[in-house]
Amino acid sequence: MNVTFEVNSQAELDKLFLLFKSLKFENVKVISSETKTNTLITKGDKSLNPRDLFGIWESEPRSLSEIRSQAWKRNWE
């Protein structure tokens, strides 16, 4: 049988362990949610000059609402 507990702090986890000890559970396995996510962080290319990007939409000005409407289209089907 698997039971999942979500705790928000180390203090809550300690209380849960005390409960398990008092009930004499022997097979307790702790899995951190941080170990489930495999987030890959890569360093950016610091040699690029961000000032080169200024004015890229000079010939086609866009408003923030236009950018959002095009970028946030979702296919909910």
Protein backbone atom coordinates (compact mmCIF):
# COMPACT_ATOMS: atom_id res chain seq x y z
CA MET A 1 0.00 0.00 0.00
CA ASN A 2 1.28 3.49 -0.86
CA VAL A 3 0.25 6.59 1.05
CA THR A 4 1.33 10.08 0.06
CA PHE A 5 1.82 12.91 2.55
CA GLU A 6 2.69 16.40 1.41
CA VAL A 7 4.49 18.46 4.03
CA ASN A 8 5.53 22.09 3.82
CA SER A 9 8.36 22.17 6.32
CA GLN A 10 10.96 20.10 8.07
CA ALA A 11 9.01 20.48 11.34
CA GLU A 12 5.94 18.84 9.79
CA LEU A 13 8.13 16.02 8.47
CA ASP A 14 9.62 15.48 11.93
CA LYS A 15 6.14 15.25 13.46
CA LEU A 16 5.17 12.70 10.83
CA PHE A 17 8.23 10.59 11.66
CA LEU A 18 7.32 10.69 15.35
CA LEU A 19 3.85 9.44 14.45
CA PHE A 20 5.31 6.60 12.40
CA LYS A 21 7.63 5.64 15.26
CA SER A 22 4.77 5.62 17.76
CA LEU A 23 2.75 3.35 15.46
CA LYS A 24 5.85 1.17 14.91
CA PHE A 25 5.83 1.40 11.13
CA GLU A 26 9.01 -0.19 9.83
CA ASN A 27 8.82 0.34 6.08
CA VAL A 28 8.72 4.09 5.57
CA LYS A 29 10.17 5.54 2.40
CA VAL A 30 10.62 9.30 1.92
CA ILE A 31 10.70 10.70 -1.59
CA SER A 32 11.36 14.39 -2.04
CA SER A 33 9.49 16.19 -4.80
CA GLU A 34 12.76 17.91 -5.66
CA THR A 35 14.27 14.60 -6.71
CA LYS A 36 11.39 13.88 -9.07
CA THR A 37 11.94 16.95 -11.22
CA ASN A 38 14.97 16.86 -13.47
CA THR A 39 15.45 20.53 -14.13
CA LEU A 40 18.38 21.18 -16.41
CA ILE A 41 19.92 24.60 -15.95
CA THR A 42 22.37 25.75 -18.56
CA LYS A 43 24.46 28.87 -18.46
CA GLY A 44 23.80 31.45 -21.14
CA ASP A 45 26.27 32.71 -23.70
CA LYS A 46 27.74 35.80 -22.04
CA SER A 47 29.53 36.80 -25.23
CA LEU A 48 26.27 37.94 -26.87
CA ASN A 49 25.57 41.65 -26.67
CA PRO A 50 21.91 42.28 -25.74
CA ARG A 51 22.12 45.80 -27.16
CA ASP A 52 22.11 44.26 -30.63
CA LEU A 53 18.47 43.27 -30.00
CA PHE A 54 17.28 46.84 -29.49
CA GLY A 55 15.05 47.94 -32.34
CA ILE A 56 14.36 44.50 -33.83
CA TRP A 57 10.67 45.44 -34.25
CA GLU A 58 11.35 48.94 -35.49
CA SER A 59 9.79 48.21 -38.89
CA GLU A 60 6.85 46.28 -37.34
CA PRO A 61 5.92 47.89 -34.02
CA ARG A 62 3.93 45.66 -31.66
CA SER A 63 2.08 46.37 -28.48
CA LEU A 64 2.31 44.20 -25.41
CA SER A 65 -1.27 43.01 -25.90
CA GLU A 66 -0.47 41.90 -29.48
CA ILE A 67 2.54 39.94 -28.30
CA ARG A 68 0.51 38.27 -25.56
CA SER A 69 -2.37 37.37 -27.87
CA GLN A 70 -0.01 35.68 -30.32
CA ALA A 71 2.23 33.99 -27.76
CA TRP A 72 -0.43 32.68 -25.40
CA LYS A 73 -2.67 30.91 -27.90
CA ARG A 74 -3.62 27.54 -26.52
CA ASN A 75 -5.16 24.56 -28.22
CA TRP A 76 -7.48 23.22 -25.50
CA GLU A 77 -8.92 20.43 -27.63
